[in-house]
């Protein structure tokens, strides 16, 4: 798993981006967030995630908040 920080996440649209430790931004969709209830992320929140190939390129999967 990789770690990074949430760059931004739009609750209305259900997606955003994670700034990875490697300096690359990775797309994240709300369905990739592993949490109960409303799935959202906060700007600046540290996260752990896997990277998978999606329809439009690389994206985050199995996203969990570290705080």
PDB file of N, CA and C in Angstrom:
ATOM      1  N   UNK A   1       0.834  -1.195   0.000  1.00  0.00           N
ATOM      2  CA  UNK A   1       0.000   0.000   0.000  1.00  0.00           C
ATOM      3  C   UNK A   1       0.869   1.245   0.000  1.00  0.00           C
ATOM      4  N   UNK A   2       0.324   2.293  -0.592  1.00  0.00           N
ATOM      5  CA  UNK A   2       1.009   3.581  -0.630  1.00  0.00           C
ATOM      6  C   UNK A   2       0.347   4.524   0.363  1.00  0.00           C
ATOM      7  N   UNK A   3       1.049   5.588   0.702  1.00  0.00           N
ATOM      8  CA  UNK A   3       0.475   6.614   1.564  1.00  0.00           C
ATOM      9  C   UNK A   3       0.537   7.961   0.863  1.00  0.00           C
ATOM     10  N   UNK A   4      -0.369   8.835   1.244  1.00  0.00           N
ATOM     11  CA  UNK A   4      -0.417  10.164   0.661  1.00  0.00           C
ATOM     12  C   UNK A   4      -1.336  11.054   1.473  1.00  0.00           C
ATOM     13  N   UNK A   5      -1.609  12.231   0.917  1.00  0.00           N
ATOM     14  CA  UNK A   5      -2.457  13.221   1.564  1.00  0.00           C
ATOM     15  C   UNK A   5      -3.547  13.642   0.592  1.00  0.00           C
ATOM     16  N   UNK A   6      -4.759  13.774   1.096  1.00  0.00           N
ATOM     17  CA  UNK A   6      -5.866  14.198   0.241  1.00  0.00           C
ATOM     18  C   UNK A   6      -5.607  15.631  -0.223  1.00  0.00           C
ATOM     19  N   UNK A   7      -5.537  15.811  -1.534  1.00  0.00           N
ATOM     20  CA  UNK A   7      -5.321  17.130  -2.125  1.00  0.00           C
ATOM     21  C   UNK A   7      -6.637  17.902  -2.113  1.00  0.00           C
ATOM     22  N   UNK A   8      -7.691  17.266  -2.600  1.00  0.00           N
ATOM     23  CA  UNK A   8      -9.054  17.804  -2.515  1.00  0.00           C
ATOM     24  C   UNK A   8     -10.041  16.685  -2.788  1.00  0.00           C
ATOM     25  N   UNK A   9     -11.261  16.862  -2.275  1.00  0.00           N
ATOM     26  CA  UNK A   9     -12.322  15.888  -2.495  1.00  0.00           C
ATOM     27  C   UNK A   9     -13.646  16.627  -2.517  1.00  0.00           C
ATOM     28  N   UNK A  10     -14.415  16.464  -3.590  1.00  0.00           N
ATOM     29  CA  UNK A  10     -15.709  17.123  -3.763  1.00  0.00           C
ATOM     30  C   UNK A  10     -16.816  16.151  -3.364  1.00  0.00           C
ATOM     31  N   UNK A  11     -17.482  16.419  -2.243  1.00  0.00           N
ATOM     32  CA  UNK A  11     -18.538  15.526  -1.759  1.00  0.00           C
ATOM     33  C   UNK A  11     -19.714  15.436  -2.721  1.00  0.00           C
ATOM     34  N   UNK A  12     -20.043  16.528  -3.395  1.00  0.00           N
ATOM     35  CA  UNK A  12     -21.179  16.526  -4.324  1.00  0.00           C
ATOM     36  C   UNK A  12     -20.896  15.678  -5.552  1.00  0.00           C
ATOM     37  N   UNK A  13     -19.672  15.747  -6.062  1.00  0.00           N
ATOM     38  CA  UNK A  13     -19.308  14.977  -7.253  1.00  0.00           C
ATOM     39  C   UNK A  13     -18.819  13.576  -6.909  1.00  0.00           C
ATOM     40  N   UNK A  14     -18.346  13.393  -5.674  1.00  0.00           N
ATOM     41  CA  UNK A  14     -17.920  12.073  -5.227  1.00  0.00           C
ATOM     42  C   UNK A  14     -16.532  11.654  -5.659  1.00  0.00           C
ATOM     43  N   UNK A  15     -15.680  12.628  -5.958  1.00  0.00           N
ATOM     44  CA  UNK A  15     -14.308  12.282  -6.325  1.00  0.00           C
ATOM     45  C   UNK A  15     -13.349  13.406  -5.963  1.00  0.00           C
ATOM     46  N   UNK A  16     -12.051  13.091  -6.051  1.00  0.00           N
ATOM     47  CA  UNK A  16     -11.016  14.065  -5.773  1.00  0.00           C
ATOM     48  C   UNK A  16      -9.659  13.487  -6.125  1.00  0.00           C
ATOM     49  N   UNK A  17      -8.616  14.040  -5.511  1.00  0.00           N
ATOM     50  CA  UNK A  17      -7.260  13.587  -5.791  1.00  0.00           C
ATOM     51  C   UNK A  17      -6.454  13.462  -4.506  1.00  0.00           C
ATOM     52  N   UNK A  18      -5.560  12.494  -4.518  1.00  0.00           N
ATOM     53  CA  UNK A  18      -4.615  12.263  -3.434  1.00  0.00           C
ATOM     54  C   UNK A  18      -3.233  12.635  -3.954  1.00  0.00           C
ATOM     55  N   UNK A  19      -2.474  13.386  -3.157  1.00  0.00           N
ATOM     56  CA  UNK A  19      -1.078  13.684  -3.477  1.00  0.00           C
ATOM     57  C   UNK A  19      -0.243  12.569  -2.862  1.00  0.00           C
ATOM     58  N   UNK A  20       0.336  11.732  -3.707  1.00  0.00           N
ATOM     59  CA  UNK A  20       1.132  10.614  -3.232  1.00  0.00           C
ATOM     60  C   UNK A  20       2.491  11.049  -2.731  1.00  0.00           C
ATOM     61  N   UNK A  21       3.114  10.221  -1.906  1.00  0.00           N
ATOM     62  CA  UNK A  21       4.455  10.526  -1.402  1.00  0.00           C
ATOM     63  C   UNK A  21       5.478  10.591  -2.526  1.00  0.00           C
ATOM     64  N   UNK A  22       5.164   9.942  -3.661  1.00  0.00           N
ATOM     65  CA  UNK A  22       6.071   9.958  -4.806  1.00  0.00           C
ATOM     66  C   UNK A  22       5.912  11.220  -5.653  1.00  0.00           C
ATOM     67  N   UNK A  23       5.028  12.137  -5.225  1.00  0.00           N
ATOM     68  CA  UNK A  23       4.828  13.392  -5.936  1.00  0.00           C
ATOM     69  C   UNK A  23       3.766  13.339  -7.020  1.00  0.00           C
ATOM     70  N   UNK A  24       3.200  12.166  -7.263  1.00  0.00           N
ATOM     71  CA  UNK A  24       2.173  12.022  -8.293  1.00  0.00           C
ATOM     72  C   UNK A  24       0.788  12.153  -7.674  1.00  0.00           C
ATOM     73  N   UNK A  25      -0.112  12.824  -8.410  1.00  0.00           N
ATOM     74  CA  UNK A  25      -1.505  12.924  -7.982  1.00  0.00           C
ATOM     75  C   UNK A  25      -2.265  11.718  -8.506  1.00  0.00           C
ATOM     76  N   UNK A  26      -3.140  11.169  -7.672  1.00  0.00           N
ATOM     77  CA  UNK A  26      -3.901   9.975  -8.038  1.00  0.00           C
ATOM     78  C   UNK A  26      -5.391  10.246  -7.824  1.00  0.00           C
ATOM     79  N   UNK A  27      -6.185   9.895  -8.812  1.00  0.00           N
ATOM     80  CA  UNK A  27      -7.635  10.070  -8.767  1.00  0.00           C
ATOM     81  C   UNK A  27      -8.240   9.143  -7.720  1.00  0.00           C
ATOM     82  N   UNK A  28      -9.245   9.636  -6.992  1.00  0.00           N
ATOM     83  CA  UNK A  28      -9.958   8.795  -6.022  1.00  0.00           C
ATOM     84  C   UNK A  28     -11.458   9.038  -6.156  1.00  0.00           C
ATOM     85  N   UNK A  29     -12.218   7.953  -6.278  1.00  0.00           N
ATOM     86  CA  UNK A  29     -13.680   7.995  -6.353  1.00  0.00           C
ATOM     87  C   UNK A  29     -14.223   7.509  -5.017  1.00  0.00           C
ATOM     88  N   UNK A  30     -15.391   8.003  -4.630  1.00  0.00           N
ATOM     89  CA  UNK A  30     -15.934   7.661  -3.307  1.00  0.00           C
ATOM     90  C   UNK A  30     -16.123   6.159  -3.095  1.00  0.00           C
ATOM     91  N   UNK A  31     -16.354   5.393  -4.163  1.00  0.00           N
ATOM     92  CA  UNK A  31     -16.551   3.945  -3.982  1.00  0.00           C
ATOM     93  C   UNK A  31     -15.271   3.241  -3.529  1.00  0.00           C
ATOM     94  N   UNK A  32     -14.112   3.920  -3.665  1.00  0.00           N
ATOM     95  CA  UNK A  32     -12.833   3.333  -3.260  1.00  0.00           C
ATOM     96  C   UNK A  32     -12.528   3.546  -1.780  1.00  0.00           C
ATOM     97  N   UNK A  33     -13.354   4.344  -1.087  1.00  0.00           N
ATOM     98  CA  UNK A  33     -13.115   4.665   0.321  1.00  0.00           C
ATOM     99  C   UNK A  33     -13.693   3.564   1.207  1.00  0.00           C
ATOM    100  N   UNK A  34     -12.843   2.987   2.038  1.00  0.00           N
ATOM    101  CA  UNK A  34     -13.257   1.901   2.931  1.00  0.00           C
ATOM    102  C   UNK A  34     -13.684   2.470   4.277  1.00  0.00           C
ATOM    103  N   UNK A  35     -14.951   2.817   4.391  1.00  0.00           N
ATOM    104  CA  UNK A  35     -15.507   3.318   5.642  1.00  0.00           C
ATOM    105  C   UNK A  35     -17.001   3.041   5.663  1.00  0.00           C
ATOM    106  N   UNK A  36     -17.565   3.041   6.843  1.00  0.00           N
ATOM    107  CA  UNK A  36     -19.011   2.854   6.989  1.00  0.00           C
ATOM    108  C   UNK A  36     -19.705   4.202   6.833  1.00  0.00           C
ATOM    109  N   UNK A  37     -20.936   4.189   6.388  1.00  0.00           N
ATOM    110  CA  UNK A  37     -21.716   5.417   6.282  1.00  0.00           C
ATOM    111  C   UNK A  37     -21.301   6.270   5.096  1.00  0.00           C
ATOM    112  N   UNK A  38     -21.393   7.602   5.264  1.00  0.00           N
ATOM    113  CA  UNK A  38     -21.088   8.552   4.194  1.00  0.00           C
ATOM    114  C   UNK A  38     -19.596   8.516   3.880  1.00  0.00           C
ATOM    115  N   UNK A  39     -19.268   8.240   2.646  1.00  0.00           N
ATOM    116  CA  UNK A  39     -17.872   8.088   2.239  1.00  0.00           C
ATOM    117  C   UNK A  39     -17.327   9.421   1.741  1.00  0.00           C
ATOM    118  N   UNK A  40     -16.429   9.992   2.516  1.00  0.00           N
ATOM    119  CA  UNK A  40     -15.839  11.270   2.162  1.00  0.00           C
ATOM    120  C   UNK A  40     -14.403  11.335   2.671  1.00  0.00           C
ATOM    121  N   UNK A  41     -13.662  12.295   2.160  1.00  0.00           N
ATOM    122  CA  UNK A  41     -12.294  12.556   2.597  1.00  0.00           C
ATOM    123  C   UNK A  41     -12.157  14.055   2.823  1.00  0.00           C
ATOM    124  N   UNK A  42     -11.249  14.441   3.707  1.00  0.00           N
ATOM    125  CA  UNK A  42     -11.015  15.846   4.012  1.00  0.00           C
ATOM    126  C   UNK A  42      -9.673  16.290   3.438  1.00  0.00           C
ATOM    127  N   UNK A  43      -9.621  17.513   2.943  1.00  0.00           N
ATOM    128  CA  UNK A  43      -8.374  18.074   2.431  1.00  0.00           C
ATOM    129  C   UNK A  43      -7.302  18.010   3.515  1.00  0.00           C
ATOM    130  N   UNK A  44      -6.107  17.538   3.154  1.00  0.00           N
ATOM    131  CA  UNK A  44      -4.999  17.430   4.096  1.00  0.00           C
ATOM    132  C   UNK A  44      -4.981  16.150   4.913  1.00  0.00           C
ATOM    133  N   UNK A  45      -6.002  15.321   4.769  1.00  0.00           N
ATOM    134  CA  UNK A  45      -6.111  14.079   5.539  1.00  0.00           C
ATOM    135  C   UNK A  45      -5.106  13.039   5.028  1.00  0.00           C
ATOM    136  N   UNK A  46      -4.305  12.440   5.908  1.00  0.00           N
ATOM    137  CA  UNK A  46      -3.401  11.374   5.477  1.00  0.00           C
ATOM    138  C   UNK A  46      -4.189  10.090   5.208  1.00  0.00           C
ATOM    139  N   UNK A  47      -3.841   9.413   4.122  1.00  0.00           N
ATOM    140  CA  UNK A  47      -4.540   8.189   3.726  1.00  0.00           C
ATOM    141  C   UNK A  47      -3.552   7.126   3.268  1.00  0.00           C
ATOM    142  N   UNK A  48      -4.038   5.900   3.262  1.00  0.00           N
ATOM    143  CA  UNK A  48      -3.302   4.756   2.736  1.00  0.00           C
ATOM    144  C   UNK A  48      -4.169   4.176   1.625  1.00  0.00           C
ATOM    145  N   UNK A  49      -3.553   3.708   0.538  1.00  0.00           N
ATOM    146  CA  UNK A  49      -4.329   3.257  -0.613  1.00  0.00           C
ATOM    147  C   UNK A  49      -3.515   2.337  -1.513  1.00  0.00           C
ATOM    148  N   UNK A  50      -4.232   1.603  -2.354  1.00  0.00           N
ATOM    149  CA  UNK A  50      -3.626   0.822  -3.425  1.00  0.00           C
ATOM    150  C   UNK A  50      -3.837   1.587  -4.721  1.00  0.00           C
ATOM    151  N   UNK A  51      -3.055   1.281  -5.734  1.00  0.00           N
ATOM    152  CA  UNK A  51      -3.215   1.898  -7.052  1.00  0.00           C
ATOM    153  C   UNK A  51      -3.634   0.820  -8.039  1.00  0.00           C
ATOM    154  N   UNK A  52      -4.691   1.114  -8.803  1.00  0.00           N
ATOM    155  CA  UNK A  52      -5.188   0.187  -9.818  1.00  0.00           C
ATOM    156  C   UNK A  52      -5.355   0.933 -11.135  1.00  0.00           C
ATOM    157  N   UNK A  53      -5.410   0.184 -12.227  1.00  0.00           N
ATOM    158  CA  UNK A  53      -5.647   0.767 -13.548  1.00  0.00           C
ATOM    159  C   UNK A  53      -7.148   0.882 -13.752  1.00  0.00           C
ATOM    160  N   UNK A  54      -7.629   2.100 -13.982  1.00  0.00           N
ATOM    161  CA  UNK A  54      -9.047   2.341 -14.237  1.00  0.00           C
ATOM    162  C   UNK A  54      -9.280   2.628 -15.709  1.00  0.00           C
ATOM    163  N   UNK A  55     -10.504   2.976 -16.054  1.00  0.00           N
ATOM    164  CA  UNK A  55     -10.855   3.273 -17.446  1.00  0.00           C
ATOM    165  C   UNK A  55     -10.074   4.453 -18.001  1.00  0.00           C
ATOM    166  N   UNK A  56      -9.744   5.406 -17.127  1.00  0.00           N
ATOM    167  CA  UNK A  56      -9.051   6.622 -17.576  1.00  0.00           C
ATOM    168  C   UNK A  56      -7.646   6.742 -17.008  1.00  0.00           C
ATOM    169  N   UNK A  57      -7.064   5.644 -16.602  1.00  0.00           N
ATOM    170  CA  UNK A  57      -5.714   5.678 -16.057  1.00  0.00           C
ATOM    171  C   UNK A  57      -5.663   5.179 -14.626  1.00  0.00           C
ATOM    172  N   UNK A  58      -4.600   5.527 -13.946  1.00  0.00           N
ATOM    173  CA  UNK A  58      -4.405   5.052 -12.578  1.00  0.00           C
ATOM    174  C   UNK A  58      -5.358   5.739 -11.613  1.00  0.00           C
ATOM    175  N   UNK A  59      -5.831   4.970 -10.631  1.00  0.00           N
ATOM    176  CA  UNK A  59      -6.703   5.527  -9.602  1.00  0.00           C
ATOM    177  C   UNK A  59      -6.501   4.784  -8.294  1.00  0.00           C
ATOM    178  N   UNK A  60      -6.924   5.421  -7.209  1.00  0.00           N
ATOM    179  CA  UNK A  60      -6.785   4.836  -5.877  1.00  0.00           C
ATOM    180  C   UNK A  60      -7.877   3.807  -5.626  1.00  0.00           C
ATOM    181  N   UNK A  61      -7.529   2.792  -4.841  1.00  0.00           N
ATOM    182  CA  UNK A  61      -8.460   1.744  -4.437  1.00  0.00           C
ATOM    183  C   UNK A  61      -8.170   1.408  -2.981  1.00  0.00           C
ATOM    184  N   UNK A  62      -9.150   0.862  -2.272  1.00  0.00           N
ATOM    185  CA  UNK A  62      -8.966   0.464  -0.865  1.00  0.00           C
ATOM    186  C   UNK A  62      -8.406   1.608  -0.014  1.00  0.00           C
ATOM    187  N   UNK A  63      -9.013   2.782  -0.127  1.00  0.00           N
ATOM    188  CA  UNK A  63      -8.541   3.981   0.567  1.00  0.00           C
ATOM    189  C   UNK A  63      -9.003   3.967   2.024  1.00  0.00           C
ATOM    190  N   UNK A  64      -8.041   4.134   2.936  1.00  0.00           N
ATOM    191  CA  UNK A  64      -8.361   4.224   4.360  1.00  0.00           C
ATOM    192  C   UNK A  64      -7.679   5.452   4.957  1.00  0.00           C
ATOM    193  N   UNK A  65      -8.405   6.153   5.821  1.00  0.00           N
ATOM    194  CA  UNK A  65      -7.852   7.320   6.502  1.00  0.00           C
ATOM    195  C   UNK A  65      -6.890   6.855   7.587  1.00  0.00           C
ATOM    196  N   UNK A  66      -5.796   7.571   7.760  1.00  0.00           N
ATOM    197  CA  UNK A  66      -4.819   7.223   8.790  1.00  0.00           C
ATOM    198  C   UNK A  66      -5.064   7.983  10.083  1.00  0.00           C
ATOM    199  N   UNK A  67      -5.960   8.977  10.085  1.00  0.00           N
ATOM    200  CA  UNK A  67      -6.298   9.727  11.301  1.00  0.00           C
ATOM    201  C   UNK A  67      -7.755   9.594  11.568  1.00  0.00           C
TER     202      UNK A  67
END
